C-alpha atoms as a PDB file:
ATOM      1  CA  UNK A   1     -14.180  -8.527 -32.772  1.00  0.00           C
ATOM      2  CA  UNK A   2     -13.236  -9.405 -29.200  1.00  0.00           C
ATOM      3  CA  UNK A   3      -9.696  -8.135 -28.541  1.00  0.00           C
ATOM      4  CA  UNK A   4      -8.034  -9.026 -25.243  1.00  0.00           C
ATOM      5  CA  UNK A   5      -5.033  -7.127 -23.862  1.00  0.00           C
ATOM      6  CA  UNK A   6      -5.562  -4.456 -26.497  1.00  0.00           C
ATOM      7  CA  UNK A   7      -3.178  -2.142 -24.645  1.00  0.00           C
ATOM      8  CA  UNK A   8      -0.390  -4.311 -26.072  1.00  0.00           C
ATOM      9  CA  UNK A   9      -1.429  -2.943 -29.469  1.00  0.00           C
ATOM     10  CA  UNK A  10      -1.942   0.702 -28.507  1.00  0.00           C
ATOM     11  CA  UNK A  11       1.447   0.778 -26.786  1.00  0.00           C
ATOM     12  CA  UNK A  12       3.253  -0.828 -29.725  1.00  0.00           C
ATOM     13  CA  UNK A  13       5.068   1.749 -31.875  1.00  0.00           C
ATOM     14  CA  UNK A  14       4.727  -0.492 -34.935  1.00  0.00           C
ATOM     15  CA  UNK A  15       0.976   0.176 -35.034  1.00  0.00           C
ATOM     16  CA  UNK A  16       0.790   3.726 -36.375  1.00  0.00           C
ATOM     17  CA  UNK A  17      -2.009   6.294 -36.834  1.00  0.00           C
ATOM     18  CA  UNK A  18      -2.908   4.817 -40.240  1.00  0.00           C
ATOM     19  CA  UNK A  19      -3.713   1.456 -38.654  1.00  0.00           C
ATOM     20  CA  UNK A  20      -6.090   2.983 -36.117  1.00  0.00           C
ATOM     21  CA  UNK A  21      -7.672   5.201 -38.773  1.00  0.00           C
ATOM     22  CA  UNK A  22      -8.404   2.072 -40.790  1.00  0.00           C
ATOM     23  CA  UNK A  23     -10.014   0.362 -37.769  1.00  0.00           C
ATOM     24  CA  UNK A  24     -12.128   3.435 -37.069  1.00  0.00           C
ATOM     25  CA  UNK A  25     -13.281   3.635 -40.671  1.00  0.00           C
ATOM     26  CA  UNK A  26     -14.526   0.037 -40.603  1.00  0.00           C
ATOM     27  CA  UNK A  27     -16.496   0.741 -37.444  1.00  0.00           C
ATOM     28  CA  UNK A  28     -17.909   3.973 -38.880  1.00  0.00           C
ATOM     29  CA  UNK A  29     -19.160   2.046 -41.936  1.00  0.00           C
ATOM     30  CA  UNK A  30     -20.927  -0.404 -39.659  1.00  0.00           C
ATOM     31  CA  UNK A  31     -18.810  -3.316 -40.839  1.00  0.00           C
ATOM     32  CA  UNK A  32     -17.455  -4.274 -37.421  1.00  0.00           C
ATOM     33  CA  UNK A  33     -17.817  -3.577 -33.699  1.00  0.00           C
ATOM     34  CA  UNK A  34     -14.897  -3.811 -31.307  1.00  0.00           C
ATOM     35  CA  UNK A  35     -14.986  -5.087 -27.754  1.00  0.00           C
ATOM     36  CA  UNK A  36     -11.553  -4.522 -26.249  1.00  0.00           C
ATOM     37  CA  UNK A  37     -10.128  -5.473 -22.872  1.00  0.00           C
ATOM     38  CA  UNK A  38      -7.315  -3.407 -21.390  1.00  0.00           C
ATOM     39  CA  UNK A  39      -5.932  -2.550 -17.980  1.00  0.00           C
ATOM     40  CA  UNK A  40      -7.051   1.089 -18.301  1.00  0.00           C
ATOM     41  CA  UNK A  41      -8.948   3.271 -20.791  1.00  0.00           C
ATOM     42  CA  UNK A  42      -7.139   3.148 -24.135  1.00  0.00           C
ATOM     43  CA  UNK A  43      -6.449   6.875 -24.288  1.00  0.00           C
ATOM     44  CA  UNK A  44      -4.490   6.520 -21.030  1.00  0.00           C
ATOM     45  CA  UNK A  45      -2.281   3.665 -22.211  1.00  0.00           C
ATOM     46  CA  UNK A  46      -1.429   4.441 -25.801  1.00  0.00           C
ATOM     47  CA  UNK A  47       1.771   5.405 -27.524  1.00  0.00           C
ATOM     48  CA  UNK A  48       2.172   9.152 -27.214  1.00  0.00           C
ATOM     49  CA  UNK A  49       2.410   9.697 -30.979  1.00  0.00           C
ATOM     50  CA  UNK A  50      -1.281   8.875 -31.430  1.00  0.00           C
ATOM     51  CA  UNK A  51      -2.733   9.343 -27.957  1.00  0.00           C
ATOM     52  CA  UNK A  52      -5.120  11.917 -29.455  1.00  0.00           C
ATOM     53  CA  UNK A  53      -6.283   9.586 -32.220  1.00  0.00           C
ATOM     54  CA  UNK A  54     -10.054   9.860 -32.970  1.00  0.00           C
ATOM     55  CA  UNK A  55     -10.094   6.047 -32.898  1.00  0.00           C
ATOM     56  CA  UNK A  56     -10.446   6.147 -29.132  1.00  0.00           C
ATOM     57  CA  UNK A  57     -13.601   8.262 -29.334  1.00  0.00           C
ATOM     58  CA  UNK A  58     -15.694   5.381 -30.656  1.00  0.00           C
ATOM     59  CA  UNK A  59     -15.566   3.447 -27.377  1.00  0.00           C
ATOM     60  CA  UNK A  60     -17.722   3.351 -24.291  1.00  0.00           C
ATOM     61  CA  UNK A  61     -15.757   2.425 -21.183  1.00  0.00           C
ATOM     62  CA  UNK A  62     -16.945  -0.177 -18.697  1.00  0.00           C
ATOM     63  CA  UNK A  63     -14.838  -1.014 -15.665  1.00  0.00           C
ATOM     64  CA  UNK A  64     -14.847  -4.633 -14.566  1.00  0.00           C
ATOM     65  CA  UNK A  65     -14.434  -4.871 -10.798  1.00  0.00           C
ATOM     66  CA  UNK A  66     -14.513  -7.701  -8.313  1.00  0.00           C
ATOM     67  CA  UNK A  67     -17.147 -10.432  -8.293  1.00  0.00           C
ATOM     68  CA  UNK A  68     -20.023 -10.020  -5.883  1.00  0.00           C
ATOM     69  CA  UNK A  69     -19.775 -12.126  -2.729  1.00  0.00           C
ATOM     70  CA  UNK A  70     -22.483 -14.450  -4.059  1.00  0.00           C
ATOM     71  CA  UNK A  71     -20.696 -14.844  -7.407  1.00  0.00           C
ATOM     72  CA  UNK A  72     -17.413 -15.553  -5.638  1.00  0.00           C
ATOM     73  CA  UNK A  73     -19.017 -18.201  -3.436  1.00  0.00           C
ATOM     74  CA  UNK A  74     -20.591 -19.829  -6.490  1.00  0.00           C
ATOM     75  CA  UNK A  75     -17.233 -19.938  -8.260  1.00  0.00           C
ATOM     76  CA  UNK A  76     -15.755 -21.728  -5.252  1.00  0.00           C
ATOM     77  CA  UNK A  77     -18.581 -24.178  -4.605  1.00  0.00           C
ATOM     78  CA  UNK A  78     -20.041 -25.232  -7.963  1.00  0.00           C
ATOM     79  CA  UNK A  79     -16.975 -26.666  -9.808  1.00  0.00           C
ATOM     80  CA  UNK A  80     -15.949 -28.703  -6.765  1.00  0.00           C
ATOM     81  CA  UNK A  81     -19.500 -30.017  -6.339  1.00  0.00           C
ATOM     82  CA  UNK A  82     -19.671 -31.014 -10.008  1.00  0.00           C
ATOM     83  CA  UNK A  83     -16.356 -32.854  -9.625  1.00  0.00           C
ATOM     84  CA  UNK A  84     -17.768 -34.888  -6.743  1.00  0.00           C
ATOM     85  CA  UNK A  85     -15.611 -33.388  -3.996  1.00  0.00           C
ATOM     86  CA  UNK A  86     -17.440 -30.350  -2.577  1.00  0.00           C
ATOM     87  CA  UNK A  87     -15.678 -27.911  -0.301  1.00  0.00           C
ATOM     88  CA  UNK A  88     -16.831 -27.581   3.299  1.00  0.00           C
ATOM     89  CA  UNK A  89     -18.177 -24.221   4.449  1.00  0.00           C
ATOM     90  CA  UNK A  90     -14.965 -23.535   6.369  1.00  0.00           C
ATOM     91  CA  UNK A  91     -12.938 -24.265   3.235  1.00  0.00           C
ATOM     92  CA  UNK A  92     -15.101 -21.931   1.157  1.00  0.00           C
ATOM     93  CA  UNK A  93     -14.573 -19.121   3.647  1.00  0.00           C
ATOM     94  CA  UNK A  94     -10.831 -19.814   3.729  1.00  0.00           C
ATOM     95  CA  UNK A  95     -10.622 -19.657  -0.071  1.00  0.00           C
ATOM     96  CA  UNK A  96     -12.434 -16.317  -0.127  1.00  0.00           C
ATOM     97  CA  UNK A  97     -10.236 -14.929   2.654  1.00  0.00           C
ATOM     98  CA  UNK A  98      -7.110 -15.907   0.762  1.00  0.00           C
ATOM     99  CA  UNK A  99      -8.258 -15.074  -2.766  1.00  0.00           C
ATOM    100  CA  UNK A 100     -10.731 -12.260  -2.237  1.00  0.00           C
ATOM    101  CA  UNK A 101     -13.197 -11.788  -5.123  1.00  0.00           C
ATOM    102  CA  UNK A 102     -10.806 -11.901  -8.062  1.00  0.00           C
ATOM    103  CA  UNK A 103     -11.905 -14.852 -10.267  1.00  0.00           C
ATOM    104  CA  UNK A 104      -8.393 -15.888 -11.289  1.00  0.00           C
ATOM    105  CA  UNK A 105      -7.141 -15.848  -7.683  1.00  0.00           C
ATOM    106  CA  UNK A 106     -10.185 -17.890  -6.624  1.00  0.00           C
ATOM    107  CA  UNK A 107      -9.625 -20.476  -9.345  1.00  0.00           C
ATOM    108  CA  UNK A 108      -5.950 -20.853  -8.470  1.00  0.00           C
ATOM    109  CA  UNK A 109      -6.624 -21.329  -4.751  1.00  0.00           C
ATOM    110  CA  UNK A 110      -9.416 -23.790  -5.482  1.00  0.00           C
ATOM    111  CA  UNK A 111      -7.236 -25.768  -7.886  1.00  0.00           C
ATOM    112  CA  UNK A 112      -4.455 -26.288  -5.337  1.00  0.00           C
ATOM    113  CA  UNK A 113      -6.909 -27.053  -2.508  1.00  0.00           C
ATOM    114  CA  UNK A 114      -8.811 -29.521  -4.691  1.00  0.00           C
ATOM    115  CA  UNK A 115      -5.610 -31.367  -5.681  1.00  0.00           C
ATOM    116  CA  UNK A 116      -4.527 -31.512  -2.045  1.00  0.00           C
ATOM    117  CA  UNK A 117      -7.890 -33.006  -1.058  1.00  0.00           C
ATOM    118  CA  UNK A 118      -7.568 -35.610  -3.824  1.00  0.00           C
ATOM    119  CA  UNK A 119      -4.110 -36.633  -2.656  1.00  0.00           C
ATOM    120  CA  UNK A 120      -5.178 -36.797   0.982  1.00  0.00           C
ATOM    121  CA  UNK A 121      -7.918 -39.323   0.028  1.00  0.00           C
ATOM    122  CA  UNK A 122     -10.509 -37.555   2.179  1.00  0.00           C
ATOM    123  CA  UNK A 123      -8.038 -37.277   5.030  1.00  0.00           C
ATOM    124  CA  UNK A 124      -6.823 -34.138   6.765  1.00  0.00           C
ATOM    125  CA  UNK A 125      -5.619 -31.454   4.367  1.00  0.00           C
ATOM    126  CA  UNK A 126      -2.327 -29.676   5.009  1.00  0.00           C
ATOM    127  CA  UNK A 127      -3.642 -26.109   4.705  1.00  0.00           C
ATOM    128  CA  UNK A 128      -0.199 -24.614   5.305  1.00  0.00           C
ATOM    129  CA  UNK A 129       1.144 -26.529   2.305  1.00  0.00           C
ATOM    130  CA  UNK A 130      -1.806 -25.318   0.240  1.00  0.00           C
ATOM    131  CA  UNK A 131      -1.216 -21.730   1.328  1.00  0.00           C
ATOM    132  CA  UNK A 132       2.501 -21.848   0.504  1.00  0.00           C
ATOM    133  CA  UNK A 133       1.933 -23.454  -2.896  1.00  0.00           C
ATOM    134  CA  UNK A 134      -0.782 -20.977  -3.896  1.00  0.00           C
ATOM    135  CA  UNK A 135       1.286 -17.975  -2.887  1.00  0.00           C
ATOM    136  CA  UNK A 136       4.236 -19.330  -4.864  1.00  0.00           C
ATOM    137  CA  UNK A 137       2.008 -19.864  -7.925  1.00  0.00           C
ATOM    138  CA  UNK A 138       0.350 -16.459  -7.695  1.00  0.00           C
ATOM    139  CA  UNK A 139       3.482 -14.449  -6.971  1.00  0.00           C
ATOM    140  CA  UNK A 140       4.420 -13.809 -10.654  1.00  0.00           C
ATOM    141  CA  UNK A 141       0.816 -12.807 -11.349  1.00  0.00           C
ATOM    142  CA  UNK A 142       0.928 -10.382  -8.416  1.00  0.00           C
ATOM    143  CA  UNK A 143       4.086  -8.875  -9.871  1.00  0.00           C
ATOM    144  CA  UNK A 144       2.419  -8.436 -13.236  1.00  0.00           C
ATOM    145  CA  UNK A 145      -0.733  -6.963 -11.683  1.00  0.00           C
ATOM    146  CA  UNK A 146       1.344  -4.547  -9.618  1.00  0.00           C
ATOM    147  CA  UNK A 147       3.319  -3.319 -12.605  1.00  0.00           C
ATOM    148  CA  UNK A 148       0.100  -2.731 -14.547  1.00  0.00           C
ATOM    149  CA  UNK A 149      -1.403  -0.546 -11.816  1.00  0.00           C
ATOM    150  CA  UNK A 150      -1.214   3.194 -12.186  1.00  0.00           C
ATOM    151  CA  UNK A 151       1.018   5.132  -9.813  1.00  0.00           C
ATOM    152  CA  UNK A 152      -2.061   6.432  -8.003  1.00  0.00           C
ATOM    153  CA  UNK A 153      -3.389   2.903  -7.523  1.00  0.00           C
ATOM    154  CA  UNK A 154      -0.017   1.698  -6.234  1.00  0.00           C
ATOM    155  CA  UNK A 155       0.099   4.549  -3.733  1.00  0.00           C
ATOM    156  CA  UNK A 156      -3.425   3.676  -2.586  1.00  0.00           C
ATOM    157  CA  UNK A 157      -2.397   0.094  -1.926  1.00  0.00           C
ATOM    158  CA  UNK A 158       0.807   1.121  -0.188  1.00  0.00           C
ATOM    159  CA  UNK A 159      -0.876   3.701   2.034  1.00  0.00           C
ATOM    160  CA  UNK A 160      -3.500   1.315   3.321  1.00  0.00           C
ATOM    161  CA  UNK A 161      -1.895  -2.065   2.859  1.00  0.00           C
ATOM    162  CA  UNK A 162      -3.856  -3.609   5.710  1.00  0.00           C
ATOM    163  CA  UNK A 163      -7.281  -2.105   5.181  1.00  0.00           C
ATOM    164  CA  UNK A 164      -7.534  -1.290   1.513  1.00  0.00           C
ATOM    165  CA  UNK A 165     -10.892  -1.363  -0.202  1.00  0.00           C
ATOM    166  CA  UNK A 166     -10.340   0.951  -3.180  1.00  0.00           C
ATOM    167  CA  UNK A 167      -9.463  -2.011  -5.440  1.00  0.00           C
ATOM    168  CA  UNK A 168     -11.394  -4.926  -3.903  1.00  0.00           C
ATOM    169  CA  UNK A 169     -10.493  -7.347  -6.692  1.00  0.00           C
ATOM    170  CA  UNK A 170      -6.932  -7.127  -5.338  1.00  0.00           C
ATOM    171  CA  UNK A 171      -7.163  -5.718  -1.828  1.00  0.00           C
ATOM    172  CA  UNK A 172      -9.578  -8.314  -0.429  1.00  0.00           C
ATOM    173  CA  UNK A 173      -7.105 -11.100  -1.141  1.00  0.00           C
ATOM    174  CA  UNK A 174      -4.984 -11.944   1.889  1.00  0.00           C
ATOM    175  CA  UNK A 175      -2.356 -13.268  -0.518  1.00  0.00           C
ATOM    176  CA  UNK A 176      -2.172  -9.977  -2.408  1.00  0.00           C
ATOM    177  CA  UNK A 177      -2.024  -7.949   0.826  1.00  0.00           C
ATOM    178  CA  UNK A 178       0.869 -10.163   1.905  1.00  0.00           C
ATOM    179  CA  UNK A 179       2.568  -9.521  -1.440  1.00  0.00           C
ATOM    180  CA  UNK A 180       2.157  -5.735  -1.101  1.00  0.00           C
ATOM    181  CA  UNK A 181       3.419  -5.756   2.463  1.00  0.00           C
ATOM    182  CA  UNK A 182       6.394  -8.070   1.916  1.00  0.00           C
ATOM    183  CA  UNK A 183       7.557  -6.621  -1.387  1.00  0.00           C
ATOM    184  CA  UNK A 184       6.657  -2.953  -1.205  1.00  0.00           C
ATOM    185  CA  UNK A 185       5.592  -1.572   2.193  1.00  0.00           C
ATOM    186  CA  UNK A 186       8.566  -2.901   4.141  1.00  0.00           C
ATOM    187  CA  UNK A 187      10.937  -1.919   1.338  1.00  0.00           C
ATOM    188  CA  UNK A 188       9.364   1.494   0.860  1.00  0.00           C
ATOM    189  CA  UNK A 189      10.115   2.588   4.419  1.00  0.00           C
ATOM    190  CA  UNK A 190      13.730   3.534   3.827  1.00  0.00           C
ATOM    191  CA  UNK A 191      13.575   7.017   5.295  1.00  0.00           C
ATOM    192  CA  UNK A 192      16.539   9.372   5.305  1.00  0.00           C
ATOM    193  CA  UNK A 193      17.343  11.901   7.993  1.00  0.00           C
ATOM    194  CA  UNK A 194      16.351  14.703   5.612  1.00  0.00           C
ATOM    195  CA  UNK A 195      12.957  13.099   5.060  1.00  0.00           C
ATOM    196  CA  UNK A 196      12.457  12.718   8.794  1.00  0.00           C
ATOM    197  CA  UNK A 197      13.391  16.364   9.299  1.00  0.00           C
ATOM    198  CA  UNK A 198      10.741  17.305   6.744  1.00  0.00           C
ATOM    199  CA  UNK A 199       8.190  15.144   8.559  1.00  0.00           C
ATOM    200  CA  UNK A 200       9.031  16.713  11.909  1.00  0.00           C
ATOM    201  CA  UNK A 201       8.467  20.151  10.428  1.00  0.00           C
ATOM    202  CA  UNK A 202       4.842  19.077   9.782  1.00  0.00           C
ATOM    203  CA  UNK A 203       4.336  17.581  13.233  1.00  0.00           C
ATOM    204  CA  UNK A 204       1.517  19.927  14.231  1.00  0.00           C
ATOM    205  CA  UNK A 205      -0.363  19.572  10.939  1.00  0.00           C
ATOM    206  CA  UNK A 206      -1.896  16.098  11.131  1.00  0.00           C
ATOM    207  CA  UNK A 207      -3.050  16.108   7.525  1.00  0.00           C
ATOM    208  CA  UNK A 208       0.396  17.033   6.174  1.00  0.00           C
ATOM    209  CA  UNK A 209       2.102  14.662   8.619  1.00  0.00           C
ATOM    210  CA  UNK A 210      -0.161  11.856   7.391  1.00  0.00           C
ATOM    211  CA  UNK A 211       1.119  12.356   3.847  1.00  0.00           C
ATOM    212  CA  UNK A 212       4.832  12.045   4.725  1.00  0.00           C
ATOM    213  CA  UNK A 213       6.787   8.818   4.225  1.00  0.00           C
ATOM    214  CA  UNK A 214       6.287   7.951   7.881  1.00  0.00           C
ATOM    215  CA  UNK A 215       2.847   6.747   6.772  1.00  0.00           C
ATOM    216  CA  UNK A 216       4.580   3.654   5.324  1.00  0.00           C
ATOM    217  CA  UNK A 217       5.595   2.339   8.731  1.00  0.00           C
ATOM    218  CA  UNK A 218       3.756  -0.882   9.494  1.00  0.00           C
ATOM    219  CA  UNK A 219       3.010   0.293  13.021  1.00  0.00           C
ATOM    220  CA  UNK A 220       0.954   3.191  11.625  1.00  0.00           C
ATOM    221  CA  UNK A 221      -1.418   0.774   9.902  1.00  0.00           C
ATOM    222  CA  UNK A 222      -1.558  -1.363  13.049  1.00  0.00           C
ATOM    223  CA  UNK A 223      -2.551   1.648  15.143  1.00  0.00           C
ATOM    224  CA  UNK A 224      -5.400   2.440  12.767  1.00  0.00           C
ATOM    225  CA  UNK A 225      -6.580  -1.181  12.674  1.00  0.00           C
ATOM    226  CA  UNK A 226      -6.630  -1.460  16.451  1.00  0.00           C
ATOM    227  CA  UNK A 227      -8.618   1.733  16.782  1.00  0.00           C
ATOM    228  CA  UNK A 228      -6.122   3.233  19.213  1.00  0.00           C
ATOM    229  CA  UNK A 229      -6.266   6.593  17.449  1.00  0.00           C
ATOM    230  CA  UNK A 230      -9.051   8.922  18.720  1.00  0.00           C
ATOM    231  CA  UNK A 231     -10.964   9.957  15.608  1.00  0.00           C
ATOM    232  CA  UNK A 232     -13.791  12.281  14.747  1.00  0.00           C
ATOM    233  CA  UNK A 233     -16.490  11.252  12.327  1.00  0.00           C
ATOM    234  CA  UNK A 234     -15.215  13.680   9.700  1.00  0.00           C
ATOM    235  CA  UNK A 235     -11.522  12.858  10.026  1.00  0.00           C
ATOM    236  CA  UNK A 236      -9.861  12.092   6.702  1.00  0.00           C
ATOM    237  CA  UNK A 237      -7.547   9.141   6.165  1.00  0.00           C
ATOM    238  CA  UNK A 238      -4.538  11.475   6.047  1.00  0.00           C
ATOM    239  CA  UNK A 239      -5.551  13.095   9.358  1.00  0.00           C
ATOM    240  CA  UNK A 240      -6.058   9.679  10.962  1.00  0.00           C
ATOM    241  CA  UNK A 241      -2.584   8.638   9.853  1.00  0.00           C
ATOM    242  CA  UNK A 242      -1.157  11.941  11.063  1.00  0.00           C
ATOM    243  CA  UNK A 243      -2.571  11.391  14.549  1.00  0.00           C
ATOM    244  CA  UNK A 244      -1.116   7.870  14.642  1.00  0.00           C
ATOM    245  CA  UNK A 245       2.274   9.119  13.417  1.00  0.00           C
ATOM    246  CA  UNK A 246       2.357  11.878  16.038  1.00  0.00           C
ATOM    247  CA  UNK A 247       1.792   9.317  18.794  1.00  0.00           C
ATOM    248  CA  UNK A 248       4.629   7.172  17.421  1.00  0.00           C
ATOM    249  CA  UNK A 249       6.950  10.189  17.243  1.00  0.00           C
ATOM    250  CA  UNK A 250       6.089  11.098  20.834  1.00  0.00           C
ATOM    251  CA  UNK A 251       6.962   7.574  21.966  1.00  0.00           C
ATOM    252  CA  UNK A 252      10.219   7.657  19.990  1.00  0.00           C
ATOM    253  CA  UNK A 253      11.188  10.975  21.564  1.00  0.00           C
ATOM    254  CA  UNK A 254      10.624   9.521  25.032  1.00  0.00           C
ATOM    255  CA  UNK A 255      13.370   6.988  24.349  1.00  0.00           C
ATOM    256  CA  UNK A 256      15.820   9.870  24.010  1.00  0.00           C
ATOM    257  CA  UNK A 257      15.202  11.020  27.570  1.00  0.00           C
ATOM    258  CA  UNK A 258      18.307  11.376  29.680  1.00  0.00           C
ATOM    259  CA  UNK A 259      18.779  10.145  33.226  1.00  0.00           C
ATOM    260  CA  UNK A 260      17.839  12.136  36.307  1.00  0.00           C
ATOM    261  CA  UNK A 261      15.994  15.421  36.338  1.00  0.00           C
ATOM    262  CA  UNK A 262      15.619  17.103  32.977  1.00  0.00           C
ATOM    263  CA  UNK A 263      17.400  20.466  32.676  1.00  0.00           C
ATOM    264  CA  UNK A 264      18.414  22.571  29.701  1.00  0.00           C
ATOM    265  CA  UNK A 265      22.087  22.331  30.643  1.00  0.00           C
ATOM    266  CA  UNK A 266      22.285  18.559  31.266  1.00  0.00           C
ATOM    267  CA  UNK A 267      24.448  16.949  28.497  1.00  0.00           C
ATOM    268  CA  UNK A 268      22.516  13.660  28.691  1.00  0.00           C
ATOM    269  CA  UNK A 269      19.306  15.542  27.866  1.00  0.00           C
ATOM    270  CA  UNK A 270      20.735  17.510  24.947  1.00  0.00           C
ATOM    271  CA  UNK A 271      19.370  15.355  22.109  1.00  0.00           C
ATOM    272  CA  UNK A 272      15.940  15.222  23.716  1.00  0.00           C
ATOM    273  CA  UNK A 273      15.853  18.947  24.442  1.00  0.00           C
ATOM    274  CA  UNK A 274      17.006  19.891  20.961  1.00  0.00           C
ATOM    275  CA  UNK A 275      14.160  17.980  19.317  1.00  0.00           C
ATOM    276  CA  UNK A 276      11.622  18.897  21.977  1.00  0.00           C
ATOM    277  CA  UNK A 277      12.083  22.661  21.710  1.00  0.00           C
ATOM    278  CA  UNK A 278      12.390  22.633  17.922  1.00  0.00           C
ATOM    279  CA  UNK A 279       9.472  20.353  17.038  1.00  0.00           C
ATOM    280  CA  UNK A 280       7.471  18.924  19.934  1.00  0.00           C
ATOM    281  CA  UNK A 281       7.014  21.897  22.265  1.00  0.00           C
ATOM    282  CA  UNK A 282       3.496  23.284  21.761  1.00  0.00           C
ATOM    283  CA  UNK A 283       3.934  26.261  24.084  1.00  0.00           C
ATOM    284  CA  UNK A 284       7.059  28.251  23.331  1.00  0.00           C
ATOM    285  CA  UNK A 285       7.476  28.099  19.512  1.00  0.00           C
ATOM    286  CA  UNK A 286      11.074  29.307  19.793  1.00  0.00           C
ATOM    287  CA  UNK A 287      13.298  30.170  16.854  1.00  0.00           C
ATOM    288  CA  UNK A 288      16.474  28.222  16.172  1.00  0.00           C
ATOM    289  CA  UNK A 289      18.530  31.077  17.612  1.00  0.00           C
ATOM    290  CA  UNK A 290      16.467  31.122  20.798  1.00  0.00           C
ATOM    291  CA  UNK A 291      16.821  27.350  21.189  1.00  0.00           C
ATOM    292  CA  UNK A 292      20.573  27.572  20.675  1.00  0.00           C
ATOM    293  CA  UNK A 293      20.809  30.238  23.369  1.00  0.00           C
ATOM    294  CA  UNK A 294      18.568  28.372  25.807  1.00  0.00           C
ATOM    295  CA  UNK A 295      20.530  25.131  25.508  1.00  0.00           C
ATOM    296  CA  UNK A 296      23.880  26.897  25.819  1.00  0.00           C
ATOM    297  CA  UNK A 297      25.254  26.270  22.337  1.00  0.00           C
ATOM    298  CA  UNK A 298      28.218  28.458  21.450  1.00  0.00           C
ATOM    299  CA  UNK A 299      26.830  29.114  17.959  1.00  0.00           C
ATOM    300  CA  UNK A 300      23.871  28.331  15.749  1.00  0.00           C
ATOM    301  CA  UNK A 301      26.216  26.153  13.695  1.00  0.00           C
ATOM    302  CA  UNK A 302      26.799  23.954  16.731  1.00  0.00           C
ATOM    303  CA  UNK A 303      23.036  23.843  17.297  1.00  0.00           C
ATOM    304  CA  UNK A 304      22.405  22.667  13.735  1.00  0.00           C
ATOM    305  CA  UNK A 305      25.053  19.945  14.099  1.00  0.00           C
ATOM    306  CA  UNK A 306      23.461  18.780  17.328  1.00  0.00           C
ATOM    307  CA  UNK A 307      20.012  18.861  15.775  1.00  0.00           C
ATOM    308  CA  UNK A 308      21.243  16.643  12.935  1.00  0.00           C
ATOM    309  CA  UNK A 309      22.619  14.178  15.507  1.00  0.00           C
ATOM    310  CA  UNK A 310      19.301  14.214  17.339  1.00  0.00           C
ATOM    311  CA  UNK A 311      17.333  13.534  14.148  1.00  0.00           C
ATOM    312  CA  UNK A 312      19.657  10.648  13.269  1.00  0.00           C
ATOM    313  CA  UNK A 313      19.133   9.209  16.752  1.00  0.00           C
ATOM    314  CA  UNK A 314      15.359   9.561  16.450  1.00  0.00           C
ATOM    315  CA  UNK A 315      15.456   7.889  13.037  1.00  0.00           C
ATOM    316  CA  UNK A 316      17.299   4.923  14.534  1.00  0.00           C
ATOM    317  CA  UNK A 317      14.652   4.588  17.224  1.00  0.00           C
ATOM    318  CA  UNK A 318      11.882   4.683  14.617  1.00  0.00           C
ATOM    319  CA  UNK A 319      13.543   1.845  12.729  1.00  0.00           C
ATOM    320  CA  UNK A 320      13.752  -0.143  15.969  1.00  0.00           C
ATOM    321  CA  UNK A 321      10.069   0.478  16.665  1.00  0.00           C
ATOM    322  CA  UNK A 322       9.173  -0.571  13.128  1.00  0.00           C
ATOM    323  CA  UNK A 323      11.226  -3.764  13.299  1.00  0.00           C
ATOM    324  CA  UNK A 324       9.677  -4.689  16.642  1.00  0.00           C
ATOM    325  CA  UNK A 325       6.210  -4.154  15.199  1.00  0.00           C
ATOM    326  CA  UNK A 326       6.984  -6.362  12.181  1.00  0.00           C
ATOM    327  CA  UNK A 327       8.249  -9.145  14.454  1.00  0.00           C
ATOM    328  CA  UNK A 328       5.060  -8.993  16.520  1.00  0.00           C
ATOM    329  CA  UNK A 329       2.989  -9.599  13.388  1.00  0.00           C
ATOM    330  CA  UNK A 330       5.120 -12.547  12.338  1.00  0.00           C
END
């Protein structure tokens, strides 16, 4: 028995332990073999009342990934050739760039491109129209695929939205990367002042800094893609992100600089100094009380209020930097 989307059964409360015991008994007697397709191993996506059912022990798990590059090219070329309207090499490469190596994505892109070529009567094809139509058609499928991903897989795609290779059947599709960026990355970066304060506290630990929500800024991914971050061979992804984030924070702090010569007593330098001594200064490592005294605050309470103002100001600058980066890409 070939059973597609079998997770719809294992997640359905109306199929109880007795049902799965019956199925297992038939297999144990050699009367039937089951080949099931599901978005994850069945024991991971079953109703909790029978997640420990012995039924799941009868299966071997095989993970279907992306097509090979050769298989993907064949899926693009052969049907069009058989239909008497082969795709040019540039069109094949464009399809694979847009669709990646997911067979359904490939078929959808090819279908729209083929219809456009038919309508153009061998004339010039409006590739922008093809792109827009395909993305519109695939969008609901992207939504469904996203919702079926595990939380870990979603985080993987969010963290590396521009260079992801953990799930090539999705990540190699330019359309799916656009979907992740437009619908999740840009919406995910909604940082609060408290979250920024937490990130600043990790500013000297690149690995920890690379795991904060600042990693979701588009400009962080751009820095990694451009290779502007000095890396060692053994640097982890989190460390790489942390280095990029630290550079962005340094640039944001510079925008808080006051006019004239910097002094501890200058009011126009107060926001800058408060953040610099608390988080960015690598030499002094002063306590909050020492910073308050150095900057002439009348009390630590006043210092904390001023530090909150400074963090809010820095957060605003980070949003401005992020928006500018998004506009550059557009």
